[in-house]
Amino acid sequence: MTSQFRRVLASNSGRTKEVVLLAKKLAAEGNRRRYALTANEGTILAGDVTKTWVLKCGWEQACAATKSVVEQALFYQSIISHVAARNMQQSLAGLDDKINEALTMPIDKAILDKACDARPSSSPATNDGVAERVDAENKRNHRKNPTTSKAVTPCMESKK
């Protein structure tokens, strides 16, 4: 018997190996409720799912996975709100102002200096790979277009 759970597989590129392989596995098992959330049209992943939703936030030009993470969160929140029969509009009231405030608030230079001078630490028990992925994406984006990936971290700015 095949699982009848709905699966929403997320991959910004639509080419993430593990996600594409999972879609193929689910298809082989007969699961017809396979969906994808990507940042690109016509991806490899789209060929292995029933329906694909494409993010509308646009290409990440500086820090990888910022706009897309927010849009993905809103996408999943809309699903949860629908299932729970809640009006998502009330939860989102004023969110744009709150995000703008959080992203533009001044940070004391002393705090930035301490953060930039801190030694990295990690715990294998709690490390989920997110920081490494963001770091790798930032480096990749910088190699692709160094003129648009300036100031990807506050540390770079505070050391000037």
Protein backbone atom coordinates (compact mmCIF):
# COMPACT_ATOMS: atom_id res chain seq x y z
CA MET A 1 0.00 0.00 0.00
CA THR A 2 1.33 3.43 -0.90
CA SER A 3 1.32 6.38 1.41
CA GLN A 4 -1.47 8.82 0.74
CA PHE A 5 0.19 11.64 2.62
CA ARG A 6 0.63 14.79 0.59
CA ARG A 7 4.29 15.62 0.13
CA VAL A 8 5.50 19.12 -0.70
CA LEU A 9 9.13 18.91 -1.75
CA ALA A 10 11.09 22.16 -1.64
CA SER A 11 14.14 22.98 -3.74
CA ASN A 12 14.93 26.51 -4.89
CA SER A 13 16.89 25.25 -7.87
CA GLY A 14 14.50 22.38 -8.59
CA ARG A 15 17.60 20.22 -9.06
CA THR A 16 18.57 19.27 -5.48
CA LYS A 17 19.65 15.64 -5.82
CA GLU A 18 18.06 14.32 -2.63
CA VAL A 19 14.75 16.05 -3.33
CA VAL A 20 14.59 14.84 -6.94
CA LEU A 21 15.41 11.28 -5.84
CA LEU A 22 12.67 11.44 -3.18
CA ALA A 23 10.15 12.60 -5.80
CA LYS A 24 11.14 9.70 -8.06
CA LYS A 25 10.85 7.24 -5.14
CA LEU A 26 7.40 8.52 -4.20
CA ALA A 27 6.29 8.26 -7.84
CA ALA A 28 7.59 4.68 -8.05
CA GLU A 29 5.62 3.85 -4.89
CA GLY A 30 2.47 5.18 -6.54
CA ASN A 31 2.02 8.30 -4.42
CA ARG A 32 0.02 10.71 -6.58
CA ARG A 33 0.10 13.51 -4.01
CA ARG A 34 3.61 14.78 -4.80
CA TYR A 35 4.06 18.53 -5.09
CA ALA A 36 7.05 20.85 -5.45
CA LEU A 37 7.92 24.37 -4.36
CA THR A 38 10.79 25.89 -6.37
CA ALA A 39 12.19 29.24 -7.44
CA ASN A 40 12.40 28.23 -11.10
CA GLU A 41 10.06 27.18 -13.89
CA GLY A 42 10.50 23.93 -15.80
CA THR A 43 12.85 22.14 -13.40
CA ILE A 44 13.89 18.50 -13.22
CA LEU A 45 11.83 18.22 -10.04
CA ALA A 46 8.72 19.50 -11.80
CA GLY A 47 8.86 16.46 -14.07
CA ASP A 48 8.52 14.09 -11.12
CA VAL A 49 5.63 15.70 -9.22
CA THR A 50 1.93 16.28 -9.78
CA LYS A 51 2.05 20.08 -9.43
CA THR A 52 4.73 22.71 -8.91
CA TRP A 53 4.41 26.11 -7.30
CA VAL A 54 7.05 28.67 -8.26
CA LEU A 55 8.16 31.33 -5.80
CA LYS A 56 7.59 34.92 -6.94
CA CYS A 57 10.27 36.59 -4.80
CA GLY A 58 12.85 36.77 -7.58
CA TRP A 59 16.49 35.80 -7.77
CA GLU A 60 18.61 36.02 -4.61
CA GLN A 61 21.35 38.53 -5.48
CA ALA A 62 23.21 38.99 -2.21
CA CYS A 63 22.62 36.73 0.75
CA ALA A 64 21.33 33.36 -0.37
CA ALA A 65 18.01 32.03 0.88
CA THR A 66 16.62 35.18 2.42
CA LYS A 67 13.63 36.25 0.34
CA SER A 68 12.91 32.67 -0.65
CA VAL A 69 12.91 31.43 2.95
CA VAL A 70 10.36 34.08 3.89
CA GLU A 71 8.17 33.26 0.90
CA GLN A 72 8.43 29.52 1.63
CA ALA A 73 7.40 30.13 5.24
CA LEU A 74 4.39 32.14 4.07
CA PHE A 75 3.49 29.42 1.58
CA TYR A 76 3.50 26.73 4.27
CA GLN A 77 1.70 29.02 6.72
CA SER A 78 -1.06 29.53 4.17
CA ILE A 79 -1.50 25.76 3.91
CA ILE A 80 -1.62 25.38 7.69
CA SER A 81 -4.08 28.27 8.03
CA HIS A 82 -6.32 26.74 5.37
CA VAL A 83 -6.31 23.31 7.04
CA ALA A 84 -7.01 24.92 10.43
CA ALA A 85 -9.76 27.10 8.91
CA ARG A 86 -8.04 30.28 10.14
CA ASN A 87 -7.92 33.62 8.40
CA MET A 88 -4.26 34.22 7.64
CA GLN A 89 -4.88 37.90 6.86
CA GLN A 90 -5.29 38.73 10.53
CA SER A 91 -1.94 37.11 11.39
CA LEU A 92 -0.18 39.02 8.62
CA ALA A 93 -1.53 42.47 9.46
CA GLY A 94 1.43 44.83 9.80
CA LEU A 95 3.99 42.13 8.97
CA ASP A 96 5.58 44.25 6.25
CA ASP A 97 6.28 47.04 8.74
CA LYS A 98 7.65 44.58 11.31
CA ILE A 99 9.99 42.99 8.76
CA ASN A 100 11.18 46.38 7.56
CA GLU A 101 11.83 47.47 11.15
CA ALA A 102 13.78 44.29 11.93
CA LEU A 103 15.89 44.54 8.79
CA THR A 104 16.71 48.23 9.12
CA MET A 105 17.18 48.67 12.86
CA PRO A 106 20.63 49.96 13.79
CA ILE A 107 22.97 47.55 15.51
CA ASP A 108 25.57 48.93 17.87
CA LYS A 109 29.08 48.65 16.33
CA ALA A 110 30.43 47.11 19.56
CA ILE A 111 27.97 44.23 19.21
CA LEU A 112 28.95 43.71 15.56
CA ASP A 113 32.65 43.76 16.45
CA LYS A 114 32.14 41.13 19.17
CA ALA A 115 30.11 38.93 16.83
CA CYS A 116 32.69 39.23 14.05
CA ASP A 117 35.58 38.46 16.38
CA ALA A 118 33.88 35.46 17.98
CA ARG A 119 35.25 32.02 17.24
CA PRO A 120 32.87 29.67 15.46
CA SER A 121 31.34 26.97 17.58
CA SER A 122 29.10 24.07 16.77
CA SER A 123 27.62 21.06 18.43
CA PRO A 124 27.13 17.93 16.35
CA ALA A 125 23.92 17.26 18.28
CA THR A 126 22.31 20.53 17.24
CA ASN A 127 24.00 21.32 13.93
CA ASP A 128 21.41 21.07 11.17
CA GLY A 129 23.65 22.35 8.37
CA VAL A 130 21.73 25.58 7.78
CA ALA A 131 24.67 27.88 8.57
CA GLU A 132 26.98 25.87 6.34
CA ARG A 133 24.45 25.95 3.52
CA VAL A 134 23.95 29.71 3.76
CA ASP A 135 27.72 30.22 3.86
CA ALA A 136 28.20 28.01 0.78
CA GLU A 137 25.39 29.80 -1.08
CA ASN A 138 26.87 33.21 -0.22
CA LYS A 139 30.27 32.13 -1.52
CA ARG A 140 28.72 30.69 -4.68
CA ASN A 141 26.71 33.86 -5.32
CA HIS A 142 29.76 36.02 -4.72
CA ARG A 143 31.78 34.01 -7.27
CA LYS A 144 28.97 34.34 -9.82
CA ASN A 145 28.54 38.08 -9.44
CA PRO A 146 30.86 39.81 -6.98
CA THR A 147 29.43 43.25 -7.79
CA THR A 148 25.96 42.40 -6.47
CA SER A 149 27.03 40.33 -3.46
CA LYS A 150 28.77 43.07 -1.52
CA ALA A 151 28.18 43.33 2.21
CA VAL A 152 26.67 39.91 2.62
CA THR A 153 27.42 40.00 6.34
CA PRO A 154 27.44 42.78 8.92
CA CYS A 155 31.02 41.74 9.75
CA MET A 156 32.25 42.85 6.37
CA GLU A 157 30.67 46.25 6.86
CA SER A 158 31.79 46.78 10.46
CA LYS A 159 35.46 46.16 9.66
CA LYS A 160 35.63 49.09 7.22
